[in-house]
Amino acid sequence: MSNVSSSVGIGGEFNATKNPPIFLWLYFPPVMIAASLILRVSNPDFYYSYMEGELGIVENATVLLLLPAFLFALSAFIMARSLNNPLLLGWILLNTIGCFYFMGEEASWGQHWFGWSNEGIFADHPRGETNIHNTNHWFDQKPKVLVEFWTMIGGIIVPAWLWIKSRKLTASSSNIWYWIWPTYVCFPTAVICLIVKNIERGRQSFHLDFAPPFDIRFSEPQEYYFGLFFLIYMLSLFLRVRQEKQSQSNI
């Protein structure tokens, strides 16, 4: 196995080919929440007609983010088979399944677009949808808690700790932590995601009524940012796996 000469961590030296474009991970993340807040004040009719709801821009954008996230995960899984790292392969497979599940459930597996009825096994669905995450907290709240925990630990705490300690993760196909931990590119999205999540949590816990524009439904933006986190993370992982595969093929 070969070692790639670069390392990963905030404040470290990076090979540009390993990271998603800066526009995607730094400048793009604030756009959706900023647009939602601005439109809530400047054009409330447009906001309520087109931004919120199952067919709104935020909900559909979440699915559109998860589609490439799933494809990057699947591609990384296919390439990683040659790296002889079962733990890495299992981790990528878990994320691939997770992205596919998140994407399908977010769109009720197409019901939001094609409008079919909830027949068969979904006949008793409490919201008349063809998904399972609204039927039992084990399919909804439990996965959300795991994703939130992962976003906080992997997206914020670990990159910040590496930066504070001026430490780096050695790029090696045998170092499972190099592959598992998100790099600094996930940090901005993770921060926004958890801010949005905790605003909604605080509002529900303390029954708060926020003045415009902060009276929007934060539940949809938080899912959007989880989707964006997965996209950036899976793209970053895909690029690293591809580079390692190319490095080994050049030996």
Protein backbone atom coordinates (compact mmCIF):
# COMPACT_ATOMS: atom_id res chain seq x y z
CA MET A 1 0.00 0.00 0.00
CA SER A 2 1.18 3.46 -0.77
CA ASN A 3 0.91 6.60 1.30
CA VAL A 4 -0.27 9.81 -0.27
CA SER A 5 2.12 12.62 0.49
CA SER A 6 -0.46 15.07 1.80
CA SER A 7 -2.42 15.19 5.06
CA VAL A 8 -5.86 16.25 6.15
CA GLY A 9 -6.83 18.66 8.92
CA ILE A 10 -7.65 22.31 9.42
CA GLY A 11 -4.47 24.28 9.11
CA GLY A 12 -2.63 21.50 7.31
CA GLU A 13 -1.32 21.28 3.78
CA PHE A 14 -3.82 19.97 1.25
CA ASN A 15 -3.71 18.57 -2.21
CA ALA A 16 -6.39 20.51 -4.10
CA THR A 17 -7.56 17.43 -5.96
CA LYS A 18 -8.73 15.93 -2.68
CA ASN A 19 -11.26 18.60 -1.85
CA PRO A 20 -14.54 19.78 -3.34
CA PRO A 21 -14.48 23.25 -4.94
CA ILE A 22 -14.39 26.11 -2.46
CA PHE A 23 -17.64 27.52 -3.82
CA LEU A 24 -19.51 24.38 -2.78
CA TRP A 25 -18.22 24.05 0.77
CA LEU A 26 -17.63 27.70 1.78
CA TYR A 27 -19.78 30.12 -0.22
CA PHE A 28 -22.78 27.97 -1.11
CA PRO A 29 -23.91 26.73 2.35
CA PRO A 30 -25.35 30.04 3.67
CA VAL A 31 -27.37 30.68 0.50
CA MET A 32 -30.50 28.66 1.34
CA ILE A 33 -31.06 29.93 4.87
CA ALA A 34 -30.23 33.50 3.82
CA ALA A 35 -32.68 33.29 0.90
CA SER A 36 -35.39 31.89 3.17
CA LEU A 37 -35.01 34.67 5.73
CA ILE A 38 -34.82 37.42 3.11
CA LEU A 39 -37.84 36.15 1.18
CA ARG A 40 -39.87 35.78 4.37
CA VAL A 41 -39.55 39.55 4.84
CA SER A 42 -39.33 40.87 1.28
CA ASN A 43 -41.89 38.58 -0.36
CA PRO A 44 -43.91 36.53 2.16
CA ASP A 45 -46.35 35.30 -0.49
CA PHE A 46 -43.53 33.83 -2.56
CA TYR A 47 -41.94 32.31 0.52
CA TYR A 48 -45.09 30.50 1.67
CA SER A 49 -46.08 29.50 -1.86
CA TYR A 50 -42.74 28.24 -3.13
CA MET A 51 -40.19 27.82 -0.33
CA GLU A 52 -42.09 25.87 2.34
CA GLY A 53 -44.00 22.61 2.10
CA GLU A 54 -43.55 19.14 0.63
CA LEU A 55 -43.31 20.55 -2.90
CA GLY A 56 -41.36 23.64 -1.88
CA ILE A 57 -37.90 24.63 -3.02
CA VAL A 58 -36.21 23.66 0.26
CA GLU A 59 -37.70 20.16 0.35
CA ASN A 60 -36.96 19.44 -3.31
CA ALA A 61 -33.46 20.91 -3.05
CA THR A 62 -32.75 18.45 -0.25
CA VAL A 63 -33.53 15.54 -2.56
CA LEU A 64 -31.44 17.11 -5.33
CA LEU A 65 -28.47 17.31 -2.97
CA LEU A 66 -28.86 13.72 -1.83
CA LEU A 67 -28.95 12.30 -5.35
CA PRO A 68 -25.32 13.24 -6.19
CA ALA A 69 -24.35 12.37 -2.60
CA PHE A 70 -25.67 8.86 -3.20
CA LEU A 71 -23.92 8.63 -6.58
CA PHE A 72 -20.59 9.79 -5.13
CA ALA A 73 -20.97 7.27 -2.30
CA LEU A 74 -21.76 4.46 -4.73
CA SER A 75 -18.80 5.39 -6.95
CA ALA A 76 -16.49 5.56 -3.93
CA PHE A 77 -17.69 2.12 -2.84
CA ILE A 78 -16.94 0.63 -6.26
CA MET A 79 -13.45 2.15 -6.34
CA ALA A 80 -12.66 1.31 -2.71
CA ARG A 81 -12.97 -2.41 -3.36
CA SER A 82 -9.43 -2.36 -4.75
CA LEU A 83 -7.95 -0.68 -1.65
CA ASN A 84 -8.11 -3.86 0.45
CA ASN A 85 -9.66 -2.10 3.44
CA PRO A 86 -12.82 -3.90 4.67
CA LEU A 87 -13.57 -1.25 7.31
CA LEU A 88 -13.47 1.51 4.72
CA LEU A 89 -15.64 -0.52 2.36
CA GLY A 90 -18.19 -1.15 5.10
CA TRP A 91 -18.22 2.52 6.10
CA ILE A 92 -18.82 3.69 2.54
CA LEU A 93 -21.56 1.07 2.09
CA LEU A 94 -23.29 2.32 5.25
CA ASN A 95 -23.20 5.90 3.94
CA THR A 96 -24.41 4.79 0.51
CA ILE A 97 -27.44 3.08 2.04
CA GLY A 98 -28.01 6.06 4.33
CA CYS A 99 -28.00 8.57 1.46
CA PHE A 100 -30.37 6.40 -0.56
CA TYR A 101 -32.76 6.00 2.38
CA PHE A 102 -32.66 9.72 3.24
CA MET A 103 -33.27 10.69 -0.40
CA GLY A 104 -36.15 8.27 -0.92
CA GLU A 105 -37.88 9.05 2.36
CA GLU A 106 -37.56 12.80 1.83
CA ALA A 107 -39.58 12.50 -1.40
CA SER A 108 -41.85 9.73 -0.05
CA TRP A 109 -40.24 7.63 -2.78
CA GLY A 110 -41.73 9.84 -5.49
CA GLN A 111 -45.21 10.41 -4.09
CA HIS A 112 -44.61 14.14 -3.67
CA TRP A 113 -44.02 14.46 -7.41
CA PHE A 114 -46.27 11.82 -8.95
CA GLY A 115 -49.11 11.98 -6.45
CA TRP A 116 -49.93 8.30 -6.04
CA SER A 117 -52.11 7.24 -3.13
CA ASN A 118 -50.93 5.47 0.01
CA GLU A 119 -52.29 2.02 -0.67
CA GLY A 120 -51.14 -1.43 0.40
CA ILE A 121 -48.67 -1.41 3.27
CA PHE A 122 -49.02 2.39 3.55
CA ALA A 123 -52.83 2.36 3.78
CA ASP A 124 -52.79 3.25 7.49
CA HIS A 125 -50.05 5.85 7.23
CA PRO A 126 -50.87 8.71 9.66
CA ARG A 127 -50.06 11.37 7.06
CA GLY A 128 -51.23 9.54 3.95
CA GLU A 129 -47.69 9.23 2.59
CA THR A 130 -45.61 6.39 1.17
CA ASN A 131 -42.69 6.56 3.57
CA ILE A 132 -41.77 4.91 6.84
CA HIS A 133 -40.04 7.69 8.73
CA ASN A 134 -43.38 9.23 9.76
CA THR A 135 -44.75 5.93 11.09
CA ASN A 136 -42.30 5.14 13.89
CA HIS A 137 -39.65 7.09 15.78
CA TRP A 138 -37.15 4.30 15.12
CA PHE A 139 -37.23 5.26 11.44
CA ASP A 140 -37.32 9.01 12.07
CA GLN A 141 -36.00 10.39 15.36
CA LYS A 142 -33.35 7.73 15.98
CA PRO A 143 -31.63 8.19 12.57
CA LYS A 144 -31.86 11.97 12.99
CA VAL A 145 -30.12 11.79 16.37
CA LEU A 146 -27.34 9.67 14.87
CA VAL A 147 -26.92 12.06 11.94
CA GLU A 148 -26.90 15.07 14.25
CA PHE A 149 -24.31 13.41 16.51
CA TRP A 150 -22.16 12.53 13.50
CA THR A 151 -22.43 16.08 12.13
CA MET A 152 -21.39 17.57 15.46
CA ILE A 153 -18.51 15.17 16.17
CA GLY A 154 -17.20 14.62 12.64
CA GLY A 155 -18.07 17.97 11.13
CA ILE A 156 -17.19 20.35 13.95
CA ILE A 157 -15.41 18.88 16.97
CA VAL A 158 -12.78 16.74 15.22
CA PRO A 159 -11.79 19.34 12.56
CA ALA A 160 -11.67 22.06 15.23
CA TRP A 161 -9.58 19.86 17.53
CA LEU A 162 -7.14 19.07 14.71
CA TRP A 163 -6.81 22.78 13.97
CA ILE A 164 -6.35 23.80 17.61
CA LYS A 165 -3.76 21.10 18.18
CA SER A 166 -2.14 21.73 14.77
CA ARG A 167 -2.43 18.03 14.08
CA LYS A 168 -2.95 16.19 10.82
CA LEU A 169 -4.35 12.86 9.79
CA THR A 170 -1.80 10.96 7.74
CA ALA A 171 -3.14 10.09 4.31
CA SER A 172 -2.86 6.33 4.16
CA SER A 173 -5.17 3.67 2.78
CA SER A 174 -4.58 1.67 5.98
CA ASN A 175 -5.53 4.52 8.34
CA ILE A 176 -9.29 4.13 8.77
CA TRP A 177 -9.62 7.46 10.62
CA TYR A 178 -8.18 9.30 7.64
CA TRP A 179 -11.13 8.01 5.63
CA ILE A 180 -13.88 8.27 8.23
CA TRP A 181 -13.39 11.76 9.64
CA PRO A 182 -14.72 14.60 7.49
CA THR A 183 -12.15 17.19 6.48
CA TYR A 184 -12.41 20.92 7.09
CA VAL A 185 -14.64 21.29 4.02
CA CYS A 186 -17.63 19.99 6.02
CA PHE A 187 -17.14 22.50 8.85
CA PRO A 188 -19.20 25.47 7.53
CA THR A 189 -22.21 23.32 6.64
CA ALA A 190 -22.04 21.44 9.94
CA VAL A 191 -22.06 24.71 11.91
CA ILE A 192 -25.05 26.11 9.99
CA CYS A 193 -26.84 22.79 10.26
CA LEU A 194 -26.58 22.60 14.04
CA ILE A 195 -27.48 26.27 14.49
CA VAL A 196 -30.66 25.77 12.46
CA LYS A 197 -31.41 22.50 14.27
CA ASN A 198 -31.08 24.05 17.72
CA ILE A 199 -33.13 27.11 16.86
CA GLU A 200 -36.01 24.79 15.97
CA ARG A 201 -35.36 22.66 19.06
CA GLY A 202 -35.37 25.72 21.31
CA ARG A 203 -38.57 27.05 19.79
CA GLN A 204 -40.39 23.75 20.32
CA SER A 205 -38.99 23.13 23.80
CA PHE A 206 -39.82 26.58 25.17
CA HIS A 207 -42.87 27.29 22.96
CA LEU A 208 -41.28 30.44 21.59
CA ASP A 209 -42.85 32.75 19.03
CA PHE A 210 -40.19 34.40 16.90
CA ALA A 211 -40.79 37.61 15.00
CA PRO A 212 -40.31 37.63 11.20
CA PRO A 213 -38.15 36.53 9.53
CA PHE A 214 -37.25 34.01 12.23
CA ASP A 215 -40.76 32.57 12.35
CA ILE A 216 -40.04 30.31 9.37
CA ARG A 217 -40.19 26.53 9.62
CA PHE A 218 -36.62 25.56 10.45
CA SER A 219 -37.37 21.83 10.23
CA GLU A 220 -37.05 21.83 6.44
CA PRO A 221 -33.80 23.85 6.29
CA GLN A 222 -32.24 21.55 8.88
CA GLU A 223 -32.93 18.53 6.64
CA TYR A 224 -31.56 20.50 3.70
CA TYR A 225 -28.31 21.13 5.56
CA PHE A 226 -28.01 17.51 6.61
CA GLY A 227 -28.35 16.67 2.91
CA LEU A 228 -25.69 19.24 1.98
CA PHE A 229 -23.39 17.85 4.66
CA PHE A 230 -23.70 14.37 3.15
CA LEU A 231 -23.05 15.73 -0.34
CA ILE A 232 -19.86 17.54 0.64
CA TYR A 233 -18.66 14.66 2.79
CA MET A 234 -19.29 11.99 0.16
CA LEU A 235 -17.71 14.12 -2.57
CA SER A 236 -14.65 14.65 -0.37
CA LEU A 237 -14.43 10.94 0.38
CA PHE A 238 -14.92 10.07 -3.29
CA LEU A 239 -12.06 12.37 -4.31
CA ARG A 240 -9.73 10.89 -1.69
CA VAL A 241 -10.60 7.31 -2.64
CA ARG A 242 -10.08 8.10 -6.31
CA GLN A 243 -6.72 9.69 -5.63
CA GLU A 244 -5.57 6.73 -3.54
CA LYS A 245 -6.70 4.31 -6.24
CA GLN A 246 -4.79 6.28 -8.88
CA SER A 247 -1.74 6.42 -6.63
CA GLN A 248 -1.74 2.65 -6.20
CA SER A 249 -2.22 2.05 -9.91
CA ASN A 250 0.91 4.13 -10.64
CA ILE A 251 3.14 1.91 -8.51
